[in-house]
């Protein structure tokens, strides 16, 4: 998406869209890390550290992913509304 330098609304929307994309990437990456840690933990024995890592990754991933998805949908809807 190319942004007209004279339109501050579109500039701000692109910035918000970039942050939402980074949040989605971080959230899904944390879910992937939780999955890998869980599999490794199942193979080696679930000790306290593995459980903390899995639960921490799921909690932090959810905290990042939920608002990022909602904001991303909002930006998409605003762009669609502007196009008519």
N, C-alpha and C. Protein backbone atom coordinates (compact mmCIF):
# COMPACT_ATOMS: atom_id res chain seq x y z
N UNK A 1 0.85 -1.17 0.00
CA UNK A 1 0.00 0.00 0.00
C UNK A 1 0.90 1.23 0.00
N UNK A 2 0.73 2.09 -0.99
CA UNK A 2 1.46 3.34 -1.04
C UNK A 2 0.61 4.44 -0.44
N UNK A 3 1.26 5.31 0.29
CA UNK A 3 0.55 6.33 1.04
C UNK A 3 0.90 7.69 0.48
N UNK A 4 -0.13 8.51 0.30
CA UNK A 4 0.07 9.89 -0.11
C UNK A 4 0.71 10.64 1.05
N UNK A 5 1.88 11.27 0.81
CA UNK A 5 2.55 11.96 1.93
C UNK A 5 1.75 13.12 2.52
N UNK A 6 0.77 13.62 1.78
CA UNK A 6 -0.01 14.76 2.27
C UNK A 6 -1.19 14.33 3.13
N UNK A 7 -1.48 13.05 3.21
CA UNK A 7 -2.66 12.59 3.95
C UNK A 7 -2.24 11.99 5.29
N UNK A 8 -2.39 12.74 6.38
CA UNK A 8 -1.93 12.23 7.69
C UNK A 8 -2.76 11.05 8.20
N UNK A 9 -4.03 10.95 7.79
CA UNK A 9 -4.87 9.84 8.23
C UNK A 9 -4.34 8.53 7.65
N UNK A 10 -4.02 8.54 6.37
CA UNK A 10 -3.48 7.32 5.75
C UNK A 10 -2.10 6.97 6.29
N UNK A 11 -1.30 7.97 6.59
CA UNK A 11 0.01 7.70 7.19
C UNK A 11 -0.16 7.02 8.54
N UNK A 12 -1.05 7.55 9.33
CA UNK A 12 -1.30 6.98 10.66
C UNK A 12 -1.88 5.57 10.54
N UNK A 13 -2.77 5.36 9.59
CA UNK A 13 -3.36 4.05 9.38
C UNK A 13 -2.30 3.03 8.96
N UNK A 14 -1.37 3.44 8.11
CA UNK A 14 -0.30 2.53 7.69
C UNK A 14 0.60 2.18 8.88
N UNK A 15 0.88 3.15 9.73
CA UNK A 15 1.69 2.89 10.92
C UNK A 15 0.99 1.90 11.85
N UNK A 16 -0.30 2.11 12.06
CA UNK A 16 -1.08 1.20 12.91
C UNK A 16 -1.13 -0.20 12.29
N UNK A 17 -1.27 -0.27 10.97
CA UNK A 17 -1.30 -1.56 10.28
C UNK A 17 0.04 -2.28 10.44
N UNK A 18 1.14 -1.55 10.38
CA UNK A 18 2.46 -2.16 10.58
C UNK A 18 2.60 -2.71 12.00
N UNK A 19 2.14 -1.96 13.00
CA UNK A 19 2.21 -2.44 14.38
C UNK A 19 1.31 -3.67 14.58
N UNK A 20 0.16 -3.67 13.94
CA UNK A 20 -0.74 -4.82 14.04
C UNK A 20 -0.10 -6.05 13.41
N UNK A 21 0.57 -5.87 12.28
CA UNK A 21 1.25 -7.00 11.63
C UNK A 21 2.38 -7.53 12.51
N UNK A 22 3.11 -6.64 13.14
CA UNK A 22 4.18 -7.09 14.05
C UNK A 22 3.60 -7.82 15.26
N UNK A 23 2.47 -7.34 15.76
CA UNK A 23 1.82 -8.01 16.89
C UNK A 23 1.33 -9.39 16.52
N UNK A 24 0.75 -9.53 15.32
CA UNK A 24 0.32 -10.86 14.86
C UNK A 24 1.50 -11.80 14.70
N UNK A 25 2.59 -11.31 14.12
CA UNK A 25 3.78 -12.14 13.95
C UNK A 25 4.34 -12.57 15.30
N UNK A 26 4.43 -11.65 16.24
CA UNK A 26 4.95 -11.99 17.57
C UNK A 26 4.03 -12.97 18.29
N UNK A 27 2.72 -12.74 18.20
CA UNK A 27 1.77 -13.62 18.87
C UNK A 27 1.82 -15.04 18.34
N UNK A 28 1.80 -15.19 17.01
CA UNK A 28 1.86 -16.53 16.43
C UNK A 28 3.21 -17.19 16.68
N UNK A 29 4.28 -16.39 16.71
CA UNK A 29 5.60 -16.95 17.01
C UNK A 29 5.65 -17.48 18.44
N UNK A 30 5.04 -16.77 19.36
CA UNK A 30 4.99 -17.24 20.74
C UNK A 30 4.16 -18.51 20.87
N UNK A 31 3.07 -18.61 20.11
CA UNK A 31 2.30 -19.85 20.10
C UNK A 31 3.13 -21.01 19.57
N UNK A 32 3.90 -20.74 18.52
CA UNK A 32 4.78 -21.77 17.97
C UNK A 32 5.84 -22.19 18.97
N UNK A 33 6.41 -21.22 19.67
CA UNK A 33 7.40 -21.53 20.70
C UNK A 33 6.79 -22.35 21.82
N UNK A 34 5.56 -22.03 22.20
CA UNK A 34 4.88 -22.81 23.23
C UNK A 34 4.67 -24.24 22.78
N UNK A 35 4.30 -24.42 21.51
CA UNK A 35 4.10 -25.76 20.96
C UNK A 35 5.40 -26.56 20.98
N UNK A 36 6.47 -25.94 20.52
CA UNK A 36 7.78 -26.62 20.50
C UNK A 36 8.22 -26.95 21.92
N UNK A 37 8.07 -26.02 22.84
CA UNK A 37 8.45 -26.27 24.23
C UNK A 37 7.62 -27.40 24.83
N UNK A 38 6.35 -27.45 24.50
CA UNK A 38 5.49 -28.52 25.00
C UNK A 38 5.94 -29.88 24.47
N UNK A 39 6.23 -29.96 23.17
CA UNK A 39 6.68 -31.22 22.58
C UNK A 39 8.00 -31.65 23.20
N UNK A 40 8.93 -30.73 23.33
CA UNK A 40 10.22 -31.06 23.96
C UNK A 40 9.99 -31.48 25.41
N UNK A 41 9.10 -30.81 26.09
CA UNK A 41 8.79 -31.17 27.47
C UNK A 41 8.17 -32.55 27.58
N UNK A 42 7.32 -32.89 26.64
CA UNK A 42 6.71 -34.23 26.66
C UNK A 42 7.76 -35.32 26.42
N UNK A 43 8.74 -35.02 25.60
CA UNK A 43 9.78 -36.00 25.30
C UNK A 43 10.80 -36.14 26.42
N UNK A 44 11.07 -35.05 27.12
CA UNK A 44 12.10 -35.06 28.16
C UNK A 44 11.53 -35.10 29.58
N UNK A 45 10.25 -34.93 29.72
CA UNK A 45 9.64 -34.88 31.05
C UNK A 45 9.23 -33.47 31.38
N UNK A 46 7.98 -33.31 31.74
CA UNK A 46 7.47 -31.96 32.01
C UNK A 46 7.91 -31.50 33.40
N UNK A 47 8.94 -30.70 33.43
CA UNK A 47 9.35 -30.12 34.71
C UNK A 47 8.77 -28.71 34.81
N UNK A 48 9.02 -28.05 35.91
CA UNK A 48 8.41 -26.75 36.18
C UNK A 48 8.80 -25.67 35.19
N UNK A 49 10.04 -25.71 34.72
CA UNK A 49 10.50 -24.67 33.79
C UNK A 49 9.75 -24.77 32.46
N UNK A 50 9.56 -25.98 31.97
CA UNK A 50 8.85 -26.16 30.69
C UNK A 50 7.41 -25.68 30.82
N UNK A 51 6.78 -26.00 31.92
CA UNK A 51 5.39 -25.58 32.12
C UNK A 51 5.29 -24.06 32.18
N UNK A 52 6.22 -23.42 32.85
CA UNK A 52 6.22 -21.95 32.94
C UNK A 52 6.43 -21.34 31.56
N UNK A 53 7.35 -21.91 30.77
CA UNK A 53 7.60 -21.39 29.43
C UNK A 53 6.36 -21.55 28.56
N UNK A 54 5.72 -22.71 28.60
CA UNK A 54 4.54 -22.95 27.76
C UNK A 54 3.41 -22.00 28.16
N UNK A 55 3.11 -21.92 29.43
CA UNK A 55 2.01 -21.05 29.88
C UNK A 55 2.34 -19.58 29.64
N UNK A 56 3.58 -19.19 29.87
CA UNK A 56 3.99 -17.81 29.62
C UNK A 56 3.88 -17.43 28.15
N UNK A 57 4.32 -18.33 27.27
CA UNK A 57 4.23 -18.06 25.83
C UNK A 57 2.78 -17.97 25.37
N UNK A 58 1.93 -18.85 25.87
CA UNK A 58 0.52 -18.80 25.49
C UNK A 58 -0.13 -17.52 26.01
N UNK A 59 0.16 -17.15 27.24
CA UNK A 59 -0.45 -15.93 27.81
C UNK A 59 0.03 -14.68 27.08
N UNK A 60 1.34 -14.57 26.86
CA UNK A 60 1.87 -13.39 26.18
C UNK A 60 1.45 -13.37 24.72
N UNK A 61 1.43 -14.54 24.07
CA UNK A 61 0.98 -14.60 22.68
C UNK A 61 -0.47 -14.17 22.54
N UNK A 62 -1.31 -14.61 23.46
CA UNK A 62 -2.72 -14.21 23.42
C UNK A 62 -2.87 -12.72 23.67
N UNK A 63 -2.08 -12.18 24.58
CA UNK A 63 -2.13 -10.76 24.90
C UNK A 63 -1.74 -9.91 23.70
N UNK A 64 -0.79 -10.39 22.91
CA UNK A 64 -0.37 -9.65 21.72
C UNK A 64 -1.29 -9.90 20.54
N UNK A 65 -1.75 -11.12 20.38
CA UNK A 65 -2.47 -11.50 19.18
C UNK A 65 -3.90 -10.94 19.13
N UNK A 66 -4.61 -10.97 20.20
CA UNK A 66 -6.01 -10.52 20.19
C UNK A 66 -6.16 -9.07 19.74
N UNK A 67 -5.47 -8.12 20.36
CA UNK A 67 -5.64 -6.74 19.88
C UNK A 67 -5.09 -6.53 18.47
N UNK A 68 -4.02 -7.26 18.12
CA UNK A 68 -3.45 -7.10 16.78
C UNK A 68 -4.43 -7.54 15.71
N UNK A 69 -5.13 -8.64 15.94
CA UNK A 69 -6.12 -9.11 14.97
C UNK A 69 -7.28 -8.13 14.87
N UNK A 70 -7.77 -7.64 15.99
CA UNK A 70 -8.90 -6.70 15.98
C UNK A 70 -8.52 -5.40 15.29
N UNK A 71 -7.34 -4.88 15.60
CA UNK A 71 -6.89 -3.64 14.97
C UNK A 71 -6.65 -3.84 13.49
N UNK A 72 -6.10 -4.99 13.11
CA UNK A 72 -5.88 -5.28 11.70
C UNK A 72 -7.19 -5.31 10.93
N UNK A 73 -8.22 -5.93 11.50
CA UNK A 73 -9.53 -5.93 10.85
C UNK A 73 -10.09 -4.51 10.75
N UNK A 74 -9.86 -3.70 11.76
CA UNK A 74 -10.32 -2.31 11.73
C UNK A 74 -9.65 -1.51 10.63
N UNK A 75 -8.35 -1.69 10.47
CA UNK A 75 -7.63 -0.99 9.41
C UNK A 75 -8.12 -1.44 8.04
N UNK A 76 -8.33 -2.74 7.88
CA UNK A 76 -8.83 -3.27 6.61
C UNK A 76 -10.22 -2.70 6.29
N UNK A 77 -11.08 -2.65 7.29
CA UNK A 77 -12.43 -2.10 7.09
C UNK A 77 -12.37 -0.61 6.75
N UNK A 78 -11.48 0.13 7.38
CA UNK A 78 -11.36 1.56 7.09
C UNK A 78 -10.86 1.78 5.67
N UNK A 79 -9.90 0.96 5.24
CA UNK A 79 -9.41 1.07 3.86
C UNK A 79 -10.53 0.73 2.86
N UNK A 80 -11.29 -0.31 3.15
CA UNK A 80 -12.39 -0.69 2.27
C UNK A 80 -13.44 0.42 2.21
N UNK A 81 -13.71 1.05 3.34
CA UNK A 81 -14.68 2.15 3.40
C UNK A 81 -14.19 3.34 2.58
N UNK A 82 -12.89 3.63 2.64
CA UNK A 82 -12.35 4.76 1.87
C UNK A 82 -12.42 4.51 0.38
N UNK A 83 -12.23 3.27 -0.04
CA UNK A 83 -12.29 2.95 -1.47
C UNK A 83 -13.72 3.04 -2.00
N UNK A 84 -14.67 2.88 -1.13
CA UNK A 84 -16.05 3.06 -1.55
C UNK A 84 -16.72 1.77 -1.75
